[in-house]
PDB file of N, CA and C in Angstrom:
ATOM      1  N   MET A   1       4.722   6.793   7.935  1.00  0.00           N
ATOM      2  CA  MET A   1       3.437   6.243   7.628  1.00  0.00           C
ATOM      3  C   MET A   1       3.654   4.858   7.037  1.00  0.00           C
ATOM      4  N   HIS A   2       2.897   3.938   7.511  1.00  0.00           N
ATOM      5  CA  HIS A   2       2.959   2.542   7.093  1.00  0.00           C
ATOM      6  C   HIS A   2       2.077   2.373   5.855  1.00  0.00           C
ATOM      7  N   CYS A   3       2.626   1.924   4.750  1.00  0.00           N
ATOM      8  CA  CYS A   3       1.875   1.749   3.504  1.00  0.00           C
ATOM      9  C   CYS A   3       1.704   0.268   3.199  1.00  0.00           C
ATOM     10  N   LYS A   4       0.472  -0.141   3.144  1.00  0.00           N
ATOM     11  CA  LYS A   4       0.144  -1.534   2.874  1.00  0.00           C
ATOM     12  C   LYS A   4      -1.195  -1.546   2.161  1.00  0.00           C
ATOM     13  N   ASP A   5      -1.442  -2.526   1.336  1.00  0.00           N
ATOM     14  CA  ASP A   5      -2.688  -2.585   0.580  1.00  0.00           C
ATOM     15  C   ASP A   5      -3.315  -3.961   0.722  1.00  0.00           C
ATOM     16  N   GLY A   6      -4.583  -4.042   0.456  1.00  0.00           N
ATOM     17  CA  GLY A   6      -5.285  -5.310   0.533  1.00  0.00           C
ATOM     18  C   GLY A   6      -6.748  -5.141   0.240  1.00  0.00           C
ATOM     19  N   ASP A   7      -7.466  -6.222   0.344  1.00  0.00           N
ATOM     20  CA  ASP A   7      -8.914  -6.224   0.149  1.00  0.00           C
ATOM     21  C   ASP A   7      -9.601  -6.589   1.457  1.00  0.00           C
ATOM     22  N   TRP A   8     -10.746  -5.972   1.676  1.00  0.00           N
ATOM     23  CA  TRP A   8     -11.515  -6.218   2.898  1.00  0.00           C
ATOM     24  C   TRP A   8     -11.975  -7.668   2.972  1.00  0.00           C
ATOM     25  N   PRO A   9     -12.143  -8.200   4.177  1.00  0.00           N
ATOM     26  CA  PRO A   9     -12.709  -9.555   4.321  1.00  0.00           C
ATOM     27  C   PRO A   9     -14.199  -9.508   3.972  1.00  0.00           C
ATOM     28  N   PRO A  10     -14.791 -10.655   3.709  1.00  0.00           N
ATOM     29  CA  PRO A  10     -16.229 -10.685   3.430  1.00  0.00           C
ATOM     30  C   PRO A  10     -17.023 -10.112   4.614  1.00  0.00           C
ATOM     31  N   ARG A  11     -18.036  -9.319   4.329  1.00  0.00           N
ATOM     32  CA  ARG A  11     -18.848  -8.685   5.380  1.00  0.00           C
ATOM     33  C   ARG A  11     -19.529  -9.707   6.285  1.00  0.00           C
ATOM     34  N   ASP A  12     -19.837 -10.881   5.748  1.00  0.00           N
ATOM     35  CA  ASP A  12     -20.533 -11.886   6.548  1.00  0.00           C
ATOM     36  C   ASP A  12     -19.581 -12.695   7.434  1.00  0.00           C
ATOM     37  N   GLN A  13     -18.275 -12.329   7.425  1.00  0.00           N
ATOM     38  CA  GLN A  13     -17.281 -12.995   8.253  1.00  0.00           C
ATOM     39  C   GLN A  13     -16.527 -11.940   9.069  1.00  0.00           C
ATOM     40  N   PRO A  14     -17.169 -11.395  10.104  1.00  0.00           N
ATOM     41  CA  PRO A  14     -16.568 -10.269  10.845  1.00  0.00           C
ATOM     42  C   PRO A  14     -15.227 -10.572  11.514  1.00  0.00           C
ATOM     43  N   SER A  15     -14.919 -11.815  11.774  1.00  0.00           N
ATOM     44  CA  SER A  15     -13.639 -12.130  12.416  1.00  0.00           C
ATOM     45  C   SER A  15     -12.558 -12.501  11.402  1.00  0.00           C
ATOM     46  N   ALA A  16     -12.896 -12.507  10.117  1.00  0.00           N
ATOM     47  CA  ALA A  16     -11.931 -12.874   9.075  1.00  0.00           C
ATOM     48  C   ALA A  16     -10.964 -11.723   8.809  1.00  0.00           C
ATOM     49  N   LEU A  17      -9.807 -12.067   8.306  1.00  0.00           N
ATOM     50  CA  LEU A  17      -8.830 -11.067   7.889  1.00  0.00           C
ATOM     51  C   LEU A  17      -9.010 -10.796   6.403  1.00  0.00           C
ATOM     52  N   GLY A  18      -8.590  -9.643   5.978  1.00  0.00           N
ATOM     53  CA  GLY A  18      -8.604  -9.329   4.561  1.00  0.00           C
ATOM     54  C   GLY A  18      -7.455 -10.033   3.862  1.00  0.00           C
ATOM     55  N   ILE A  19      -7.341  -9.789   2.574  1.00  0.00           N
ATOM     56  CA  ILE A  19      -6.285 -10.395   1.767  1.00  0.00           C
ATOM     57  C   ILE A  19      -5.286  -9.317   1.396  1.00  0.00           C
ATOM     58  N   GLU A  20      -4.026  -9.528   1.762  1.00  0.00           N
ATOM     59  CA  GLU A  20      -2.990  -8.554   1.416  1.00  0.00           C
ATOM     60  C   GLU A  20      -2.738  -8.592  -0.080  1.00  0.00           C
ATOM     61  N   ARG A  21      -2.525  -7.422  -0.656  1.00  0.00           N
ATOM     62  CA  ARG A  21      -2.229  -7.277  -2.081  1.00  0.00           C
ATOM     63  C   ARG A  21      -0.991  -6.389  -2.240  1.00  0.00           C
ATOM     64  N   PRO A  22      -0.318  -6.482  -3.383  1.00  0.00           N
ATOM     65  CA  PRO A  22       0.774  -5.549  -3.633  1.00  0.00           C
ATOM     66  C   PRO A  22       0.237  -4.112  -3.588  1.00  0.00           C
ATOM     67  N   LEU A  23       1.063  -3.199  -3.154  1.00  0.00           N
ATOM     68  CA  LEU A  23       0.667  -1.801  -3.034  1.00  0.00           C
ATOM     69  C   LEU A  23       0.132  -1.300  -4.378  1.00  0.00           C
ATOM     70  N   GLY A  24      -1.059  -0.711  -4.337  1.00  0.00           N
ATOM     71  CA  GLY A  24      -1.697  -0.207  -5.541  1.00  0.00           C
ATOM     72  C   GLY A  24      -2.648  -1.184  -6.193  1.00  0.00           C
ATOM     73  N   GLU A  25      -2.693  -2.427  -5.707  1.00  0.00           N
ATOM     74  CA  GLU A  25      -3.552  -3.444  -6.309  1.00  0.00           C
ATOM     75  C   GLU A  25      -4.705  -3.860  -5.401  1.00  0.00           C
ATOM     76  N   GLY A  26      -4.810  -3.246  -4.244  1.00  0.00           N
ATOM     77  CA  GLY A  26      -5.880  -3.591  -3.316  1.00  0.00           C
ATOM     78  C   GLY A  26      -6.954  -2.523  -3.277  1.00  0.00           C
ATOM     79  N   SER A  27      -7.746  -2.552  -2.235  1.00  0.00           N
ATOM     80  CA  SER A  27      -8.903  -1.668  -2.094  1.00  0.00           C
ATOM     81  C   SER A  27      -8.603  -0.348  -1.396  1.00  0.00           C
ATOM     82  N   VAL A  28      -7.369  -0.125  -0.978  1.00  0.00           N
ATOM     83  CA  VAL A  28      -7.037   1.079  -0.219  1.00  0.00           C
ATOM     84  C   VAL A  28      -7.245   2.343  -1.043  1.00  0.00           C
ATOM     85  N   GLY A  29      -6.823   2.317  -2.299  1.00  0.00           N
ATOM     86  CA  GLY A  29      -6.883   3.525  -3.119  1.00  0.00           C
ATOM     87  C   GLY A  29      -5.708   4.429  -2.785  1.00  0.00           C
ATOM     88  N   MET A  30      -4.526   4.008  -3.172  1.00  0.00           N
ATOM     89  CA  MET A  30      -3.310   4.719  -2.788  1.00  0.00           C
ATOM     90  C   MET A  30      -3.295   6.160  -3.272  1.00  0.00           C
ATOM     91  N   ASP A  31      -3.905   6.440  -4.412  1.00  0.00           N
ATOM     92  CA  ASP A  31      -3.941   7.827  -4.874  1.00  0.00           C
ATOM     93  C   ASP A  31      -4.718   8.710  -3.902  1.00  0.00           C
ATOM     94  N   ARG A  32      -5.849   8.221  -3.425  1.00  0.00           N
ATOM     95  CA  ARG A  32      -6.630   8.979  -2.431  1.00  0.00           C
ATOM     96  C   ARG A  32      -5.887   9.073  -1.106  1.00  0.00           C
ATOM     97  N   PHE A  33      -5.228   7.993  -0.719  1.00  0.00           N
ATOM     98  CA  PHE A  33      -4.473   7.953   0.533  1.00  0.00           C
ATOM     99  C   PHE A  33      -3.355   9.002   0.527  1.00  0.00           C
ATOM    100  N   ILE A  34      -2.574   9.024  -0.543  1.00  0.00           N
ATOM    101  CA  ILE A  34      -1.470   9.985  -0.652  1.00  0.00           C
ATOM    102  C   ILE A  34      -2.019  11.403  -0.750  1.00  0.00           C
ATOM    103  N   HIS A  35      -3.109  11.585  -1.482  1.00  0.00           N
ATOM    104  CA  HIS A  35      -3.729  12.913  -1.567  1.00  0.00           C
ATOM    105  C   HIS A  35      -4.116  13.419  -0.174  1.00  0.00           C
ATOM    106  N   LYS A  36      -4.692  12.556   0.633  1.00  0.00           N
ATOM    107  CA  LYS A  36      -5.097  12.948   1.985  1.00  0.00           C
ATOM    108  C   LYS A  36      -3.873  13.291   2.844  1.00  0.00           C
ATOM    109  N   LEU A  37      -2.808  12.510   2.725  1.00  0.00           N
ATOM    110  CA  LEU A  37      -1.589  12.824   3.473  1.00  0.00           C
ATOM    111  C   LEU A  37      -1.061  14.206   3.089  1.00  0.00           C
ATOM    112  N   LYS A  38      -1.056  14.506   1.792  1.00  0.00           N
ATOM    113  CA  LYS A  38      -0.615  15.827   1.339  1.00  0.00           C
ATOM    114  C   LYS A  38      -1.536  16.915   1.886  1.00  0.00           C
ATOM    115  N   GLU A  39      -2.837  16.638   1.868  1.00  0.00           N
ATOM    116  CA  GLU A  39      -3.838  17.600   2.334  1.00  0.00           C
ATOM    117  C   GLU A  39      -3.633  17.987   3.794  1.00  0.00           C
ATOM    118  N   VAL A  40      -3.252  17.023   4.611  1.00  0.00           N
ATOM    119  CA  VAL A  40      -3.051  17.309   6.037  1.00  0.00           C
ATOM    120  C   VAL A  40      -1.624  17.752   6.350  1.00  0.00           C
ATOM    121  N   GLY A  41      -0.779  17.842   5.320  1.00  0.00           N
ATOM    122  CA  GLY A  41       0.571  18.346   5.515  1.00  0.00           C
ATOM    123  C   GLY A  41       1.599  17.317   5.946  1.00  0.00           C
ATOM    124  N   TYR A  42       1.297  16.034   5.791  1.00  0.00           N
ATOM    125  CA  TYR A  42       2.264  14.998   6.186  1.00  0.00           C
ATOM    126  C   TYR A  42       3.473  15.048   5.260  1.00  0.00           C
ATOM    127  N   ARG A  43       4.658  15.092   5.836  1.00  0.00           N
ATOM    128  CA  ARG A  43       5.894  15.141   5.058  1.00  0.00           C
ATOM    129  C   ARG A  43       6.911  14.124   5.569  1.00  0.00           C
ATOM    130  N   GLY A  44       6.451  13.149   6.307  1.00  0.00           N
ATOM    131  CA  GLY A  44       7.346  12.164   6.905  1.00  0.00           C
ATOM    132  C   GLY A  44       7.628  10.979   6.000  1.00  0.00           C
ATOM    133  N   VAL A  45       8.151   9.949   6.598  1.00  0.00           N
ATOM    134  CA  VAL A  45       8.555   8.726   5.908  1.00  0.00           C
ATOM    135  C   VAL A  45       7.336   7.909   5.498  1.00  0.00           C
ATOM    136  N   LEU A  46       7.427   7.288   4.328  1.00  0.00           N
ATOM    137  CA  LEU A  46       6.441   6.303   3.882  1.00  0.00           C
ATOM    138  C   LEU A  46       7.156   4.962   3.855  1.00  0.00           C
ATOM    139  N   SER A  47       6.751   4.047   4.719  1.00  0.00           N
ATOM    140  CA  SER A  47       7.403   2.727   4.756  1.00  0.00           C
ATOM    141  C   SER A  47       6.505   1.701   4.082  1.00  0.00           C
ATOM    142  N   ILE A  48       7.123   0.784   3.371  1.00  0.00           N
ATOM    143  CA  ILE A  48       6.406  -0.237   2.612  1.00  0.00           C
ATOM    144  C   ILE A  48       6.521  -1.567   3.340  1.00  0.00           C
ATOM    145  N   GLU A  49       5.390  -2.233   3.483  1.00  0.00           N
ATOM    146  CA  GLU A  49       5.387  -3.587   4.051  1.00  0.00           C
ATOM    147  C   GLU A  49       4.751  -4.519   3.037  1.00  0.00           C
ATOM    148  N   ARG A  50       5.381  -5.639   2.799  1.00  0.00           N
ATOM    149  CA  ARG A  50       4.829  -6.654   1.897  1.00  0.00           C
ATOM    150  C   ARG A  50       5.095  -8.010   2.503  1.00  0.00           C
ATOM    151  N   GLU A  51       4.048  -8.695   2.897  1.00  0.00           N
ATOM    152  CA  GLU A  51       4.169 -10.012   3.523  1.00  0.00           C
ATOM    153  C   GLU A  51       3.960 -11.109   2.490  1.00  0.00           C
ATOM    154  N   GLU A  52       4.859 -11.185   1.556  1.00  0.00           N
ATOM    155  CA  GLU A  52       4.839 -12.203   0.501  1.00  0.00           C
ATOM    156  C   GLU A  52       5.956 -13.194   0.789  1.00  0.00           C
ATOM    157  N   PRO A  53       5.630 -14.496   0.942  1.00  0.00           N
ATOM    158  CA  PRO A  53       6.663 -15.470   1.303  1.00  0.00           C
ATOM    159  C   PRO A  53       7.715 -15.706   0.211  1.00  0.00           C
ATOM    160  N   ASP A  54       7.351 -15.540  -1.058  1.00  0.00           N
ATOM    161  CA  ASP A  54       8.310 -15.731  -2.135  1.00  0.00           C
ATOM    162  C   ASP A  54       9.211 -14.502  -2.241  1.00  0.00           C
ATOM    163  N   ARG A  55      10.478 -14.687  -1.964  1.00  0.00           N
ATOM    164  CA  ARG A  55      11.429 -13.566  -1.873  1.00  0.00           C
ATOM    165  C   ARG A  55      11.497 -12.742  -3.161  1.00  0.00           C
ATOM    166  N   GLU A  56      11.587 -13.411  -4.309  1.00  0.00           N
ATOM    167  CA  GLU A  56      11.687 -12.691  -5.576  1.00  0.00           C
ATOM    168  C   GLU A  56      10.426 -11.870  -5.846  1.00  0.00           C
ATOM    169  N   ARG A  57       9.292 -12.474  -5.602  1.00  0.00           N
ATOM    170  CA  ARG A  57       8.026 -11.756  -5.815  1.00  0.00           C
ATOM    171  C   ARG A  57       7.908 -10.581  -4.830  1.00  0.00           C
ATOM    172  N   ARG A  58       8.271 -10.823  -3.564  1.00  0.00           N
ATOM    173  CA  ARG A  58       8.223  -9.760  -2.550  1.00  0.00           C
ATOM    174  C   ARG A  58       9.098  -8.581  -2.966  1.00  0.00           C
ATOM    175  N   ASN A  59      10.331  -8.876  -3.393  1.00  0.00           N
ATOM    176  CA  ASN A  59      11.239  -7.810  -3.809  1.00  0.00           C
ATOM    177  C   ASN A  59      10.708  -7.062  -5.027  1.00  0.00           C
ATOM    178  N   ALA A  60      10.124  -7.788  -5.989  1.00  0.00           N
ATOM    179  CA  ALA A  60       9.542  -7.143  -7.171  1.00  0.00           C
ATOM    180  C   ALA A  60       8.370  -6.258  -6.761  1.00  0.00           C
ATOM    181  N   ASP A  61       7.530  -6.735  -5.842  1.00  0.00           N
ATOM    182  CA  ASP A  61       6.392  -5.947  -5.363  1.00  0.00           C
ATOM    183  C   ASP A  61       6.863  -4.681  -4.648  1.00  0.00           C
ATOM    184  N   ILE A  62       7.938  -4.788  -3.895  1.00  0.00           N
ATOM    185  CA  ILE A  62       8.463  -3.618  -3.176  1.00  0.00           C
ATOM    186  C   ILE A  62       9.033  -2.604  -4.171  1.00  0.00           C
ATOM    187  N   ARG A  63       9.757  -3.080  -5.177  1.00  0.00           N
ATOM    188  CA  ARG A  63      10.275  -2.153  -6.201  1.00  0.00           C
ATOM    189  C   ARG A  63       9.117  -1.431  -6.902  1.00  0.00           C
ATOM    190  N   LYS A  64       8.067  -2.164  -7.210  1.00  0.00           N
ATOM    191  CA  LYS A  64       6.890  -1.574  -7.855  1.00  0.00           C
ATOM    192  C   LYS A  64       6.232  -0.553  -6.919  1.00  0.00           C
ATOM    193  N   ALA A  65       6.166  -0.861  -5.635  1.00  0.00           N
ATOM    194  CA  ALA A  65       5.574   0.049  -4.647  1.00  0.00           C
ATOM    195  C   ALA A  65       6.376   1.342  -4.533  1.00  0.00           C
ATOM    196  N   VAL A  66       7.700   1.229  -4.569  1.00  0.00           N
ATOM    197  CA  VAL A  66       8.559   2.418  -4.516  1.00  0.00           C
ATOM    198  C   VAL A  66       8.260   3.308  -5.717  1.00  0.00           C
ATOM    199  N   LYS A  67       8.173   2.711  -6.888  1.00  0.00           N
ATOM    200  CA  LYS A  67       7.875   3.471  -8.113  1.00  0.00           C
ATOM    201  C   LYS A  67       6.499   4.139  -8.005  1.00  0.00           C
ATOM    202  N   LEU A  68       5.510   3.410  -7.519  1.00  0.00           N
ATOM    203  CA  LEU A  68       4.164   3.958  -7.354  1.00  0.00           C
ATOM    204  C   LEU A  68       4.173   5.152  -6.407  1.00  0.00           C
ATOM    205  N   LEU A  69       4.793   4.982  -5.243  1.00  0.00           N
ATOM    206  CA  LEU A  69       4.810   6.060  -4.247  1.00  0.00           C
ATOM    207  C   LEU A  69       5.587   7.278  -4.739  1.00  0.00           C
ATOM    208  N   ARG A  70       6.675   7.037  -5.448  1.00  0.00           N
ATOM    209  CA  ARG A  70       7.422   8.180  -6.004  1.00  0.00           C
ATOM    210  C   ARG A  70       6.570   8.946  -7.004  1.00  0.00           C
ATOM    211  N   GLY A  71       5.822   8.228  -7.807  1.00  0.00           N
ATOM    212  CA  GLY A  71       4.946   8.888  -8.773  1.00  0.00           C
ATOM    213  C   GLY A  71       3.826   9.666  -8.088  1.00  0.00           C
ATOM    214  N   LEU A  72       3.238   9.088  -7.055  1.00  0.00           N
ATOM    215  CA  LEU A  72       2.120   9.741  -6.364  1.00  0.00           C
ATOM    216  C   LEU A  72       2.566  10.927  -5.511  1.00  0.00           C
ATOM    217  N   THR A  73       3.806  10.879  -5.043  1.00  0.00           N
ATOM    218  CA  THR A  73       4.284  11.964  -4.173  1.00  0.00           C
ATOM    219  C   THR A  73       5.058  13.030  -4.946  1.00  0.00           C
ATOM    220  N   GLY A  74       5.354  12.755  -6.204  1.00  0.00           N
ATOM    221  CA  GLY A  74       6.128  13.708  -6.987  1.00  0.00           C
ATOM    222  C   GLY A  74       7.604  13.668  -6.677  1.00  0.00           C
ATOM    223  N   ARG A  75       8.060  12.581  -6.093  1.00  0.00           N
ATOM    224  CA  ARG A  75       9.484  12.437  -5.734  1.00  0.00           C
ATOM    225  C   ARG A  75      10.174  11.447  -6.657  1.00  0.00           C
ATOM    226  N   ALA A  76       9.783  11.424  -7.899  1.00  0.00           N
ATOM    227  CA  ALA A  76      10.306  10.445  -8.867  1.00  0.00           C
ATOM    228  C   ALA A  76      11.745  10.658  -9.228  1.00  0.00           C
TER     229      ALA A  76
END
């Protein structure tokens, strides 16, 4: 499962893209997302994508995402 977070584009701009955010900081609601995966019996891989051009920030965001997902999945 591909894990990515962000905010929706403005409703009055249907062709606009949303804004990517670090996992857990956008509008996805990762707690609800993980709960739904558990509910349907998903037990596969959770992959993290972060399109941040600054390498240090990207790596920090990915480390934070790993911690978040481990906490939400109980695999800490």
